[in-house]
Amino acid sequence: EKFGATAWQQGLSFVSMTLPYVVGT
């Protein structure tokens, strides 16, 4: 709604959590 992001951009945004999660654990 706010940025007009496509489905792959929406999914890709959650990838930014994965590497920091691995580093944090």
mmCIF file of all heavy atoms, coordinates in Angstrom:
data_MODEL
# 
_entry.id   MODEL 
# 
loop_
_atom_site.group_PDB 
_atom_site.id 
_atom_site.type_symbol 
_atom_site.label_atom_id 
_atom_site.label_alt_id 
_atom_site.label_comp_id 
_atom_site.label_asym_id 
_atom_site.label_entity_id 
_atom_site.label_seq_id 
_atom_site.pdbx_PDB_ins_code 
_atom_site.Cartn_x 
_atom_site.Cartn_y 
_atom_site.Cartn_z 
_atom_site.occupancy 
_atom_site.B_iso_or_equiv 
_atom_site.pdbx_formal_charge 
_atom_site.auth_seq_id 
_atom_site.auth_comp_id 
_atom_site.auth_asym_id 
_atom_site.auth_atom_id 
_atom_site.pdbx_PDB_model_num 
ATOM 1   N N   . GLU A 1 1  ? 0.804  -1.218  0.000  1.00 0.00 ? 1  GLU A N   1 
ATOM 2   C CA  . GLU A 1 1  ? 0.000  0.000   0.000  1.00 0.00 ? 1  GLU A CA  1 
ATOM 3   C C   . GLU A 1 1  ? 0.841  1.274   0.000  1.00 0.00 ? 1  GLU A C   1 
ATOM 4   O O   . GLU A 1 1  ? 0.532  2.227   -0.697 1.00 0.00 ? 1  GLU A O   1 
ATOM 5   C CB  . GLU A 1 1  ? -0.935 0.013   1.217  1.00 0.00 ? 1  GLU A CB  1 
ATOM 6   C CG  . GLU A 1 1  ? -2.038 -1.009  1.134  1.00 0.00 ? 1  GLU A CG  1 
ATOM 7   C CD  . GLU A 1 1  ? -2.899 -1.048  2.388  1.00 0.00 ? 1  GLU A CD  1 
ATOM 8   O OE1 . GLU A 1 1  ? -2.595 -0.316  3.366  1.00 0.00 ? 1  GLU A OE1 1 
ATOM 9   O OE2 . GLU A 1 1  ? -3.877 -1.812  2.389  1.00 0.00 ? 1  GLU A OE2 1 
ATOM 10  N N   . LYS A 1 2  ? 1.913  1.303   0.795  1.00 0.00 ? 2  LYS A N   1 
ATOM 11  C CA  . LYS A 1 2  ? 2.690  2.533   0.974  1.00 0.00 ? 2  LYS A CA  1 
ATOM 12  C C   . LYS A 1 2  ? 3.790  2.698   -0.067 1.00 0.00 ? 2  LYS A C   1 
ATOM 13  O O   . LYS A 1 2  ? 4.055  3.811   -0.522 1.00 0.00 ? 2  LYS A O   1 
ATOM 14  C CB  . LYS A 1 2  ? 3.301  2.546   2.376  1.00 0.00 ? 2  LYS A CB  1 
ATOM 15  C CG  . LYS A 1 2  ? 3.929  3.847   2.778  1.00 0.00 ? 2  LYS A CG  1 
ATOM 16  C CD  . LYS A 1 2  ? 4.339  3.824   4.242  1.00 0.00 ? 2  LYS A CD  1 
ATOM 17  C CE  . LYS A 1 2  ? 4.983  5.119   4.668  1.00 0.00 ? 2  LYS A CE  1 
ATOM 18  N NZ  . LYS A 1 2  ? 5.393  5.090   6.069  1.00 0.00 ? 2  LYS A NZ  1 
ATOM 19  N N   . PHE A 1 3  ? 4.442  1.586   -0.439 1.00 0.00 ? 3  PHE A N   1 
ATOM 20  C CA  . PHE A 1 3  ? 5.599  1.669   -1.324 1.00 0.00 ? 3  PHE A CA  1 
ATOM 21  C C   . PHE A 1 3  ? 5.354  1.058   -2.698 1.00 0.00 ? 3  PHE A C   1 
ATOM 22  O O   . PHE A 1 3  ? 6.211  1.140   -3.563 1.00 0.00 ? 3  PHE A O   1 
ATOM 23  C CB  . PHE A 1 3  ? 6.813  0.984   -0.689 1.00 0.00 ? 3  PHE A CB  1 
ATOM 24  C CG  . PHE A 1 3  ? 7.113  1.430   0.706  1.00 0.00 ? 3  PHE A CG  1 
ATOM 25  C CD1 . PHE A 1 3  ? 7.268  0.513   1.720  1.00 0.00 ? 3  PHE A CD1 1 
ATOM 26  C CD2 . PHE A 1 3  ? 7.246  2.772   1.023  1.00 0.00 ? 3  PHE A CD2 1 
ATOM 27  C CE1 . PHE A 1 3  ? 7.552  0.903   3.012  1.00 0.00 ? 3  PHE A CE1 1 
ATOM 28  C CE2 . PHE A 1 3  ? 7.525  3.184   2.314  1.00 0.00 ? 3  PHE A CE2 1 
ATOM 29  C CZ  . PHE A 1 3  ? 7.666  2.249   3.308  1.00 0.00 ? 3  PHE A CZ  1 
ATOM 30  N N   . GLY A 1 4  ? 4.217  0.410   -2.890 1.00 0.00 ? 4  GLY A N   1 
ATOM 31  C CA  . GLY A 1 4  ? 3.944  -0.255  -4.159 1.00 0.00 ? 4  GLY A CA  1 
ATOM 32  C C   . GLY A 1 4  ? 4.873  -1.426  -4.419 1.00 0.00 ? 4  GLY A C   1 
ATOM 33  O O   . GLY A 1 4  ? 5.179  -1.748  -5.564 1.00 0.00 ? 4  GLY A O   1 
ATOM 34  N N   . ALA A 1 5  ? 5.320  -2.076  -3.368 1.00 0.00 ? 5  ALA A N   1 
ATOM 35  C CA  . ALA A 1 5  ? 6.272  -3.189  -3.490 1.00 0.00 ? 5  ALA A CA  1 
ATOM 36  C C   . ALA A 1 5  ? 5.611  -4.399  -4.124 1.00 0.00 ? 5  ALA A C   1 
ATOM 37  O O   . ALA A 1 5  ? 4.458  -4.720  -3.835 1.00 0.00 ? 5  ALA A O   1 
ATOM 38  C CB  . ALA A 1 5  ? 6.826  -3.560  -2.111 1.00 0.00 ? 5  ALA A CB  1 
ATOM 39  N N   . THR A 1 6  ? 6.363  -5.057  -4.988 1.00 0.00 ? 6  THR A N   1 
ATOM 40  C CA  . THR A 1 6  ? 5.874  -6.284  -5.608 1.00 0.00 ? 6  THR A CA  1 
ATOM 41  C C   . THR A 1 6  ? 6.015  -7.445  -4.617 1.00 0.00 ? 6  THR A C   1 
ATOM 42  O O   . THR A 1 6  ? 6.629  -7.306  -3.560 1.00 0.00 ? 6  THR A O   1 
ATOM 43  C CB  . THR A 1 6  ? 6.672  -6.596  -6.883 1.00 0.00 ? 6  THR A CB  1 
ATOM 44  O OG1 . THR A 1 6  ? 8.048  -6.786  -6.520 1.00 0.00 ? 6  THR A OG1 1 
ATOM 45  C CG2 . THR A 1 6  ? 6.555  -5.466  -7.898 1.00 0.00 ? 6  THR A CG2 1 
ATOM 46  N N   . ALA A 1 7  ? 5.454  -8.579  -4.990 1.00 0.00 ? 7  ALA A N   1 
ATOM 47  C CA  . ALA A 1 7  ? 5.478  -9.744  -4.092 1.00 0.00 ? 7  ALA A CA  1 
ATOM 48  C C   . ALA A 1 7  ? 6.905  -10.181 -3.778 1.00 0.00 ? 7  ALA A C   1 
ATOM 49  O O   . ALA A 1 7  ? 7.221  -10.508 -2.634 1.00 0.00 ? 7  ALA A O   1 
ATOM 50  C CB  . ALA A 1 7  ? 4.688  -10.891 -4.714 1.00 0.00 ? 7  ALA A CB  1 
ATOM 51  N N   . TRP A 1 8  ? 7.790  -10.179 -4.789 1.00 0.00 ? 8  TRP A N   1 
ATOM 52  C CA  . TRP A 1 8  ? 9.156  -10.628 -4.515 1.00 0.00 ? 8  TRP A CA  1 
ATOM 53  C C   . TRP A 1 8  ? 9.894  -9.623  -3.636 1.00 0.00 ? 8  TRP A C   1 
ATOM 54  O O   . TRP A 1 8  ? 10.734 -10.003 -2.820 1.00 0.00 ? 8  TRP A O   1 
ATOM 55  C CB  . TRP A 1 8  ? 9.915  -10.924 -5.811 1.00 0.00 ? 8  TRP A CB  1 
ATOM 56  C CG  . TRP A 1 8  ? 10.321 -9.718  -6.602 1.00 0.00 ? 8  TRP A CG  1 
ATOM 57  C CD1 . TRP A 1 8  ? 9.626  -9.104  -7.587 1.00 0.00 ? 8  TRP A CD1 1 
ATOM 58  C CD2 . TRP A 1 8  ? 11.535 -8.973  -6.451 1.00 0.00 ? 8  TRP A CD2 1 
ATOM 59  N NE1 . TRP A 1 8  ? 10.318 -8.013  -8.052 1.00 0.00 ? 8  TRP A NE1 1 
ATOM 60  C CE2 . TRP A 1 8  ? 11.507 -7.915  -7.387 1.00 0.00 ? 8  TRP A CE2 1 
ATOM 61  C CE3 . TRP A 1 8  ? 12.656 -9.104  -5.627 1.00 0.00 ? 8  TRP A CE3 1 
ATOM 62  C CZ2 . TRP A 1 8  ? 12.528 -6.996  -7.502 1.00 0.00 ? 8  TRP A CZ2 1 
ATOM 63  C CZ3 . TRP A 1 8  ? 13.675 -8.174  -5.756 1.00 0.00 ? 8  TRP A CZ3 1 
ATOM 64  C CH2 . TRP A 1 8  ? 13.606 -7.140  -6.684 1.00 0.00 ? 8  TRP A CH2 1 
ATOM 65  N N   . GLN A 1 9  ? 9.596  -8.333  -3.767 1.00 0.00 ? 9  GLN A N   1 
ATOM 66  C CA  . GLN A 1 9  ? 10.218 -7.336  -2.901 1.00 0.00 ? 9  GLN A CA  1 
ATOM 67  C C   . GLN A 1 9  ? 9.732  -7.493  -1.461 1.00 0.00 ? 9  GLN A C   1 
ATOM 68  O O   . GLN A 1 9  ? 10.507 -7.328  -0.518 1.00 0.00 ? 9  GLN A O   1 
ATOM 69  C CB  . GLN A 1 9  ? 9.906  -5.927  -3.401 1.00 0.00 ? 9  GLN A CB  1 
ATOM 70  C CG  . GLN A 1 9  ? 10.604 -5.573  -4.684 1.00 0.00 ? 9  GLN A CG  1 
ATOM 71  C CD  . GLN A 1 9  ? 10.113 -4.260  -5.265 1.00 0.00 ? 9  GLN A CD  1 
ATOM 72  O OE1 . GLN A 1 9  ? 8.917  -3.949  -5.184 1.00 0.00 ? 9  GLN A OE1 1 
ATOM 73  N NE2 . GLN A 1 9  ? 11.018 -3.492  -5.863 1.00 0.00 ? 9  GLN A NE2 1 
ATOM 74  N N   . GLN A 1 10 ? 8.474  -7.819  -1.306 1.00 0.00 ? 10 GLN A N   1 
ATOM 75  C CA  . GLN A 1 10 ? 7.937  -8.051  0.028  1.00 0.00 ? 10 GLN A CA  1 
ATOM 76  C C   . GLN A 1 10 ? 8.614  -9.258  0.673  1.00 0.00 ? 10 GLN A C   1 
ATOM 77  O O   . GLN A 1 10 ? 9.015  -9.207  1.840  1.00 0.00 ? 10 GLN A O   1 
ATOM 78  C CB  . GLN A 1 10 ? 6.432  -8.285  -0.043 1.00 0.00 ? 10 GLN A CB  1 
ATOM 79  C CG  . GLN A 1 10 ? 5.659  -7.070  -0.502 1.00 0.00 ? 10 GLN A CG  1 
ATOM 80  C CD  . GLN A 1 10 ? 4.229  -7.408  -0.869 1.00 0.00 ? 10 GLN A CD  1 
ATOM 81  O OE1 . GLN A 1 10 ? 3.690  -8.420  -0.439 1.00 0.00 ? 10 GLN A OE1 1 
ATOM 82  N NE2 . GLN A 1 10 ? 3.605  -6.554  -1.659 1.00 0.00 ? 10 GLN A NE2 1 
ATOM 83  N N   . GLY A 1 11 ? 8.756  -10.329 -0.073 1.00 0.00 ? 11 GLY A N   1 
ATOM 84  C CA  . GLY A 1 11 ? 9.419  -11.516 0.453  1.00 0.00 ? 11 GLY A CA  1 
ATOM 85  C C   . GLY A 1 11 ? 10.887 -11.281 0.726  1.00 0.00 ? 11 GLY A C   1 
ATOM 86  O O   . GLY A 1 11 ? 11.438 -11.754 1.726  1.00 0.00 ? 11 GLY A O   1 
ATOM 87  N N   . LEU A 1 12 ? 11.525 -10.528 -0.147 1.00 0.00 ? 12 LEU A N   1 
ATOM 88  C CA  . LEU A 1 12 ? 12.949 -10.256 0.002  1.00 0.00 ? 12 LEU A CA  1 
ATOM 89  C C   . LEU A 1 12 ? 13.243 -9.408  1.241  1.00 0.00 ? 12 LEU A C   1 
ATOM 90  O O   . LEU A 1 12 ? 14.322 -9.525  1.830  1.00 0.00 ? 12 LEU A O   1 
ATOM 91  C CB  . LEU A 1 12 ? 13.469 -9.557  -1.258 1.00 0.00 ? 12 LEU A CB  1 
ATOM 92  C CG  . LEU A 1 12 ? 14.977 -9.483  -1.445 1.00 0.00 ? 12 LEU A CG  1 
ATOM 93  C CD1 . LEU A 1 12 ? 15.564 -10.894 -1.500 1.00 0.00 ? 12 LEU A CD1 1 
ATOM 94  C CD2 . LEU A 1 12 ? 15.312 -8.737  -2.720 1.00 0.00 ? 12 LEU A CD2 1 
ATOM 95  N N   . SER A 1 13 ? 12.282 -8.615  1.655  1.00 0.00 ? 13 SER A N   1 
ATOM 96  C CA  . SER A 1 13 ? 12.507 -7.791  2.841  1.00 0.00 ? 13 SER A CA  1 
ATOM 97  C C   . SER A 1 13 ? 12.747 -8.646  4.083  1.00 0.00 ? 13 SER A C   1 
ATOM 98  O O   . SER A 1 13 ? 13.492 -8.258  4.977  1.00 0.00 ? 13 SER A O   1 
ATOM 99  C CB  . SER A 1 13 ? 11.321 -6.857  3.086  1.00 0.00 ? 13 SER A CB  1 
ATOM 100 O OG  . SER A 1 13 ? 10.179 -7.583  3.464  1.00 0.00 ? 13 SER A OG  1 
ATOM 101 N N   . PHE A 1 14 ? 12.161 -9.831  4.130  1.00 0.00 ? 14 PHE A N   1 
ATOM 102 C CA  . PHE A 1 14 ? 12.341 -10.708 5.279  1.00 0.00 ? 14 PHE A CA  1 
ATOM 103 C C   . PHE A 1 14 ? 13.695 -11.411 5.271  1.00 0.00 ? 14 PHE A C   1 
ATOM 104 O O   . PHE A 1 14 ? 14.131 -11.920 6.299  1.00 0.00 ? 14 PHE A O   1 
ATOM 105 C CB  . PHE A 1 14 ? 11.211 -11.728 5.374  1.00 0.00 ? 14 PHE A CB  1 
ATOM 106 C CG  . PHE A 1 14 ? 9.916  -11.093 5.801  1.00 0.00 ? 14 PHE A CG  1 
ATOM 107 C CD1 . PHE A 1 14 ? 8.946  -10.770 4.875  1.00 0.00 ? 14 PHE A CD1 1 
ATOM 108 C CD2 . PHE A 1 14 ? 9.687  -10.791 7.136  1.00 0.00 ? 14 PHE A CD2 1 
ATOM 109 C CE1 . PHE A 1 14 ? 7.766  -10.177 5.259  1.00 0.00 ? 14 PHE A CE1 1 
ATOM 110 C CE2 . PHE A 1 14 ? 8.512  -10.194 7.533  1.00 0.00 ? 14 PHE A CE2 1 
ATOM 111 C CZ  . PHE A 1 14 ? 7.540  -9.882  6.596  1.00 0.00 ? 14 PHE A CZ  1 
ATOM 112 N N   . VAL A 1 15 ? 14.373 -11.408 4.131  1.00 0.00 ? 15 VAL A N   1 
ATOM 113 C CA  . VAL A 1 15 ? 15.716 -11.979 4.068  1.00 0.00 ? 15 VAL A CA  1 
ATOM 114 C C   . VAL A 1 15 ? 16.675 -11.152 4.926  1.00 0.00 ? 15 VAL A C   1 
ATOM 115 O O   . VAL A 1 15 ? 17.629 -11.687 5.492  1.00 0.00 ? 15 VAL A O   1 
ATOM 116 C CB  . VAL A 1 15 ? 16.212 -12.071 2.600  1.00 0.00 ? 15 VAL A CB  1 
ATOM 117 C CG1 . VAL A 1 15 ? 17.659 -12.480 2.517  1.00 0.00 ? 15 VAL A CG1 1 
ATOM 118 C CG2 . VAL A 1 15 ? 15.338 -13.044 1.824  1.00 0.00 ? 15 VAL A CG2 1 
ATOM 119 N N   . SER A 1 16 ? 16.380 -9.859  5.059  1.00 0.00 ? 16 SER A N   1 
ATOM 120 C CA  . SER A 1 16 ? 17.254 -8.991  5.858  1.00 0.00 ? 16 SER A CA  1 
ATOM 121 C C   . SER A 1 16 ? 17.239 -9.364  7.340  1.00 0.00 ? 16 SER A C   1 
ATOM 122 O O   . SER A 1 16 ? 18.064 -8.873  8.107  1.00 0.00 ? 16 SER A O   1 
ATOM 123 C CB  . SER A 1 16 ? 16.861 -7.530  5.681  1.00 0.00 ? 16 SER A CB  1 
ATOM 124 O OG  . SER A 1 16 ? 15.554 -7.303  6.164  1.00 0.00 ? 16 SER A OG  1 
ATOM 125 N N   . MET A 1 17 ? 16.346 -10.237 7.748  1.00 0.00 ? 17 MET A N   1 
ATOM 126 C CA  . MET A 1 17 ? 16.315 -10.714 9.132  1.00 0.00 ? 17 MET A CA  1 
ATOM 127 C C   . MET A 1 17 ? 17.132 -11.989 9.309  1.00 0.00 ? 17 MET A C   1 
ATOM 128 O O   . MET A 1 17 ? 17.572 -12.287 10.412 1.00 0.00 ? 17 MET A O   1 
ATOM 129 C CB  . MET A 1 17 ? 14.876 -11.001 9.565  1.00 0.00 ? 17 MET A CB  1 
ATOM 130 C CG  . MET A 1 17 ? 14.006 -9.791  9.618  1.00 0.00 ? 17 MET A CG  1 
ATOM 131 S SD  . MET A 1 17 ? 12.327 -10.199 10.065 1.00 0.00 ? 17 MET A SD  1 
ATOM 132 C CE  . MET A 1 17 ? 12.537 -10.631 11.766 1.00 0.00 ? 17 MET A CE  1 
ATOM 133 N N   . THR A 1 18 ? 17.341 -12.733 8.248  1.00 0.00 ? 18 THR A N   1 
ATOM 134 C CA  . THR A 1 18 ? 17.919 -14.071 8.353  1.00 0.00 ? 18 THR A CA  1 
ATOM 135 C C   . THR A 1 18 ? 19.380 -14.058 8.772  1.00 0.00 ? 18 THR A C   1 
ATOM 136 O O   . THR A 1 18 ? 19.754 -14.723 9.739  1.00 0.00 ? 18 THR A O   1 
ATOM 137 C CB  . THR A 1 18 ? 17.762 -14.815 7.010  1.00 0.00 ? 18 THR A CB  1 
ATOM 138 O OG1 . THR A 1 18 ? 16.379 -14.799 6.644  1.00 0.00 ? 18 THR A OG1 1 
ATOM 139 C CG2 . THR A 1 18 ? 18.242 -16.232 7.119  1.00 0.00 ? 18 THR A CG2 1 
ATOM 140 N N   . LEU A 1 19 ? 20.214 -13.329 8.060  1.00 0.00 ? 19 LEU A N   1 
ATOM 141 C CA  . LEU A 1 19 ? 21.641 -13.290 8.389  1.00 0.00 ? 19 LEU A CA  1 
ATOM 142 C C   . LEU A 1 19 ? 21.890 -12.718 9.781  1.00 0.00 ? 19 LEU A C   1 
ATOM 143 O O   . LEU A 1 19 ? 22.647 -13.305 10.558 1.00 0.00 ? 19 LEU A O   1 
ATOM 144 C CB  . LEU A 1 19 ? 22.427 -12.524 7.324  1.00 0.00 ? 19 LEU A CB  1 
ATOM 145 C CG  . LEU A 1 19 ? 23.932 -12.478 7.520  1.00 0.00 ? 19 LEU A CG  1 
ATOM 146 C CD1 . LEU A 1 19 ? 24.535 -13.879 7.525  1.00 0.00 ? 19 LEU A CD1 1 
ATOM 147 C CD2 . LEU A 1 19 ? 24.578 -11.627 6.442  1.00 0.00 ? 19 LEU A CD2 1 
ATOM 148 N N   . PRO A 1 20 ? 21.248 -11.608 10.152 1.00 0.00 ? 20 PRO A N   1 
ATOM 149 C CA  . PRO A 1 20 ? 21.441 -11.120 11.526 1.00 0.00 ? 20 PRO A CA  1 
ATOM 150 C C   . PRO A 1 20 ? 20.962 -12.121 12.580 1.00 0.00 ? 20 PRO A C   1 
ATOM 151 O O   . PRO A 1 20 ? 21.536 -12.195 13.664 1.00 0.00 ? 20 PRO A O   1 
ATOM 152 C CB  . PRO A 1 20 ? 20.615 -9.839  11.577 1.00 0.00 ? 20 PRO A CB  1 
ATOM 153 C CG  . PRO A 1 20 ? 20.556 -9.376  10.169 1.00 0.00 ? 20 PRO A CG  1 
ATOM 154 C CD  . PRO A 1 20 ? 20.514 -10.627 9.346  1.00 0.00 ? 20 PRO A CD  1 
ATOM 155 N N   . TYR A 1 21 ? 19.924 -12.891 12.285 1.00 0.00 ? 21 TYR A N   1 
ATOM 156 C CA  . TYR A 1 21 ? 19.469 -13.917 13.228 1.00 0.00 ? 21 TYR A CA  1 
ATOM 157 C C   . TYR A 1 21 ? 20.562 -14.957 13.436 1.00 0.00 ? 21 TYR A C   1 
ATOM 158 O O   . TYR A 1 21 ? 20.866 -15.335 14.575 1.00 0.00 ? 21 TYR A O   1 
ATOM 159 C CB  . TYR A 1 21 ? 18.189 -14.586 12.728 1.00 0.00 ? 21 TYR A CB  1 
ATOM 160 C CG  . TYR A 1 21 ? 17.732 -15.718 13.610 1.00 0.00 ? 21 TYR A CG  1 
ATOM 161 C CD1 . TYR A 1 21 ? 16.999 -15.458 14.756 1.00 0.00 ? 21 TYR A CD1 1 
ATOM 162 C CD2 . TYR A 1 21 ? 18.051 -17.038 13.319 1.00 0.00 ? 21 TYR A CD2 1 
ATOM 163 C CE1 . TYR A 1 21 ? 16.585 -16.484 15.591 1.00 0.00 ? 21 TYR A CE1 1 
ATOM 164 C CE2 . TYR A 1 21 ? 17.656 -18.068 14.143 1.00 0.00 ? 21 TYR A CE2 1 
ATOM 165 C CZ  . TYR A 1 21 ? 16.914 -17.793 15.279 1.00 0.00 ? 21 TYR A CZ  1 
ATOM 166 O OH  . TYR A 1 21 ? 16.522 -18.804 16.096 1.00 0.00 ? 21 TYR A OH  1 
ATOM 167 N N   . VAL A 1 22 ? 21.169 -15.401 12.349 1.00 0.00 ? 22 VAL A N   1 
ATOM 168 C CA  . VAL A 1 22 ? 22.247 -16.394 12.442 1.00 0.00 ? 22 VAL A CA  1 
ATOM 169 C C   . VAL A 1 22 ? 23.424 -15.822 13.229 1.00 0.00 ? 22 VAL A C   1 
ATOM 170 O O   . VAL A 1 22 ? 24.006 -16.497 14.080 1.00 0.00 ? 22 VAL A O   1 
ATOM 171 C CB  . VAL A 1 22 ? 22.684 -16.863 11.035 1.00 0.00 ? 22 VAL A CB  1 
ATOM 172 C CG1 . VAL A 1 22 ? 23.928 -17.712 11.095 1.00 0.00 ? 22 VAL A CG1 1 
ATOM 173 C CG2 . VAL A 1 22 ? 21.552 -17.625 10.356 1.00 0.00 ? 22 VAL A CG2 1 
ATOM 174 N N   . VAL A 1 23 ? 23.771 -14.570 12.954 1.00 0.00 ? 23 VAL A N   1 
ATOM 175 C CA  . VAL A 1 23 ? 24.864 -13.925 13.685 1.00 0.00 ? 23 VAL A CA  1 
ATOM 176 C C   . VAL A 1 23 ? 24.514 -13.788 15.163 1.00 0.00 ? 23 VAL A C   1 
ATOM 177 O O   . VAL A 1 23 ? 25.330 -14.071 16.042 1.00 0.00 ? 23 VAL A O   1 
ATOM 178 C CB  . VAL A 1 23 ? 25.205 -12.550 13.061 1.00 0.00 ? 23 VAL A CB  1 
ATOM 179 C CG1 . VAL A 1 23 ? 26.168 -11.769 13.934 1.00 0.00 ? 23 VAL A CG1 1 
ATOM 180 C CG2 . VAL A 1 23 ? 25.767 -12.726 11.662 1.00 0.00 ? 23 VAL A CG2 1 
ATOM 181 N N   . GLY A 1 24 ? 23.289 -13.381 15.450 1.00 0.00 ? 24 GLY A N   1 
ATOM 182 C CA  . GLY A 1 24 ? 22.860 -13.211 16.839 1.00 0.00 ? 24 GLY A CA  1 
ATOM 183 C C   . GLY A 1 24 ? 22.889 -14.511 17.620 1.00 0.00 ? 24 GLY A C   1 
ATOM 184 O O   . GLY A 1 24 ? 23.369 -14.547 18.761 1.00 0.00 ? 24 GLY A O   1 
ATOM 185 N N   . THR A 1 25 ? 22.403 -15.590 17.016 1.00 0.00 ? 25 THR A N   1 
ATOM 186 C CA  . THR A 1 25 ? 22.420 -16.873 17.723 1.00 0.00 ? 25 THR A CA  1 
ATOM 187 C C   . THR A 1 25 ? 23.844 -17.382 17.898 1.00 0.00 ? 25 THR A C   1 
ATOM 188 O O   . THR A 1 25 ? 24.189 -17.905 18.952 1.00 0.00 ? 25 THR A O   1 
ATOM 189 C CB  . THR A 1 25 ? 21.577 -17.937 17.001 1.00 0.00 ? 25 THR A CB  1 
ATOM 190 O OG1 . THR A 1 25 ? 22.007 -18.044 15.649 1.00 0.00 ? 25 THR A OG1 1 
ATOM 191 C CG2 . THR A 1 25 ? 20.109 -17.620 17.058 1.00 0.00 ? 25 THR A CG2 1 
# 
